[in-house]
Amino acid sequence: MIRVLHVEDAPVDAALAQAALGRMADEFAVDHVGTLGQAMECLQRRGGDAYDVILADMMLPDGDGLQLFAH
């Protein structure tokens, strides 16, 4: 099972990505959040090795995806 943190604030884009990943639900476990702050909370709460993949929007309401990777 591949653990994915999906960070996307645009509802349509989030729905498209989740639909694509949902078709392979037996391969992916996806947590979706809409802000940089929520993503940071997920990483702190679950630990640094909680996710295998992070799909991050580059323009978030409270920062950008690069800040998440820098953390």
C-alpha atoms as a PDB file:
ATOM      1  CA  MET A   1       0.000   0.000   0.000  1.00  0.00           C
ATOM      2  CA  ILE A   2       1.401   3.366  -1.029  1.00  0.00           C
ATOM      3  CA  ARG A   3       0.600   6.106   1.491  1.00  0.00           C
ATOM      4  CA  VAL A   4      -0.099   9.486  -0.138  1.00  0.00           C
ATOM      5  CA  LEU A   5      -0.525  12.955   1.331  1.00  0.00           C
ATOM      6  CA  HIS A   6      -2.419  15.030  -1.227  1.00  0.00           C
ATOM      7  CA  VAL A   7      -2.259  18.788  -0.630  1.00  0.00           C
ATOM      8  CA  GLU A   8      -4.639  20.696  -2.916  1.00  0.00           C
ATOM      9  CA  ASP A   9      -6.889  23.665  -2.202  1.00  0.00           C
ATOM     10  CA  ALA A  10      -8.830  23.768  -5.497  1.00  0.00           C
ATOM     11  CA  PRO A  11     -11.895  21.517  -5.103  1.00  0.00           C
ATOM     12  CA  VAL A  12     -12.060  20.485  -8.772  1.00  0.00           C
ATOM     13  CA  ASP A  13      -8.360  19.608  -8.952  1.00  0.00           C
ATOM     14  CA  ALA A  14      -8.592  17.720  -5.658  1.00  0.00           C
ATOM     15  CA  ALA A  15     -11.605  15.752  -6.890  1.00  0.00           C
ATOM     16  CA  LEU A  16      -9.869  14.819 -10.155  1.00  0.00           C
ATOM     17  CA  ALA A  17      -6.759  13.550  -8.383  1.00  0.00           C
ATOM     18  CA  GLN A  18      -8.783  11.671  -5.791  1.00  0.00           C
ATOM     19  CA  ALA A  19     -10.929  10.056  -8.484  1.00  0.00           C
ATOM     20  CA  ALA A  20      -7.811   8.868 -10.314  1.00  0.00           C
ATOM     21  CA  LEU A  21      -6.220   7.504  -7.139  1.00  0.00           C
ATOM     22  CA  GLY A  22      -9.544   6.083  -5.974  1.00  0.00           C
ATOM     23  CA  ARG A  23      -9.698   3.810  -9.024  1.00  0.00           C
ATOM     24  CA  MET A  24      -6.661   2.083  -7.545  1.00  0.00           C
ATOM     25  CA  ALA A  25      -7.855   2.120  -3.934  1.00  0.00           C
ATOM     26  CA  ASP A  26      -6.201  -1.225  -3.233  1.00  0.00           C
ATOM     27  CA  GLU A  27      -2.822   0.351  -4.089  1.00  0.00           C
ATOM     28  CA  PHE A  28      -3.138   3.820  -2.530  1.00  0.00           C
ATOM     29  CA  ALA A  29      -4.175   5.133   0.886  1.00  0.00           C
ATOM     30  CA  VAL A  30      -4.756   8.878   0.440  1.00  0.00           C
ATOM     31  CA  ASP A  31      -5.080  11.658   3.013  1.00  0.00           C
ATOM     32  CA  HIS A  32      -6.283  14.923   1.465  1.00  0.00           C
ATOM     33  CA  VAL A  33      -5.788  18.379   2.972  1.00  0.00           C
ATOM     34  CA  GLY A  34      -6.279  21.844   1.525  1.00  0.00           C
ATOM     35  CA  THR A  35      -3.638  24.005   3.180  1.00  0.00           C
ATOM     36  CA  LEU A  36       0.049  24.030   4.002  1.00  0.00           C
ATOM     37  CA  GLY A  37      -0.832  24.248   7.697  1.00  0.00           C
ATOM     38  CA  GLN A  38      -3.002  21.134   7.530  1.00  0.00           C
ATOM     39  CA  ALA A  39      -0.245  19.275   5.680  1.00  0.00           C
ATOM     40  CA  MET A  40       2.298  20.234   8.335  1.00  0.00           C
ATOM     41  CA  GLU A  41      -0.101  19.044  11.051  1.00  0.00           C
ATOM     42  CA  CYS A  42      -0.475  15.676   9.285  1.00  0.00           C
ATOM     43  CA  LEU A  43       3.283  15.262   9.075  1.00  0.00           C
ATOM     44  CA  GLN A  44       3.795  16.216  12.719  1.00  0.00           C
ATOM     45  CA  ARG A  45       0.928  14.051  13.948  1.00  0.00           C
ATOM     46  CA  ARG A  46       1.854  10.974  11.911  1.00  0.00           C
ATOM     47  CA  GLY A  47       5.623  11.365  11.801  1.00  0.00           C
ATOM     48  CA  GLY A  48       8.060  11.980   8.977  1.00  0.00           C
ATOM     49  CA  ASP A  49       7.859   8.488   7.537  1.00  0.00           C
ATOM     50  CA  ALA A  50       4.050   8.295   7.513  1.00  0.00           C
ATOM     51  CA  TYR A  51       3.813   8.952   3.767  1.00  0.00           C
ATOM     52  CA  ASP A  52       5.524   7.402   0.785  1.00  0.00           C
ATOM     53  CA  VAL A  53       4.452  10.185  -1.597  1.00  0.00           C
ATOM     54  CA  ILE A  54       3.427  13.815  -1.178  1.00  0.00           C
ATOM     55  CA  LEU A  55       1.442  15.404  -4.010  1.00  0.00           C
ATOM     56  CA  ALA A  56       1.490  19.119  -3.292  1.00  0.00           C
ATOM     57  CA  ASP A  57      -0.043  22.095  -5.018  1.00  0.00           C
ATOM     58  CA  MET A  58       2.546  24.790  -5.605  1.00  0.00           C
ATOM     59  CA  MET A  59       0.178  27.662  -4.730  1.00  0.00           C
ATOM     60  CA  LEU A  60      -1.699  27.192  -1.463  1.00  0.00           C
ATOM     61  CA  PRO A  61      -3.691  29.780   0.475  1.00  0.00           C
ATOM     62  CA  ASP A  62      -1.140  29.838   3.298  1.00  0.00           C
ATOM     63  CA  GLY A  63       2.110  29.119   1.466  1.00  0.00           C
ATOM     64  CA  ASP A  64       3.429  26.902  -1.298  1.00  0.00           C
ATOM     65  CA  GLY A  65       4.332  23.290  -1.843  1.00  0.00           C
ATOM     66  CA  LEU A  66       8.058  24.006  -1.730  1.00  0.00           C
ATOM     67  CA  GLN A  67       7.743  25.108   1.902  1.00  0.00           C
ATOM     68  CA  LEU A  68       6.293  21.693   2.690  1.00  0.00           C
ATOM     69  CA  PHE A  69       9.223  19.893   1.077  1.00  0.00           C
ATOM     70  CA  ALA A  70      11.715  22.185   2.798  1.00  0.00           C
ATOM     71  CA  HIS A  71      10.221  21.204   6.142  1.00  0.00           C
END
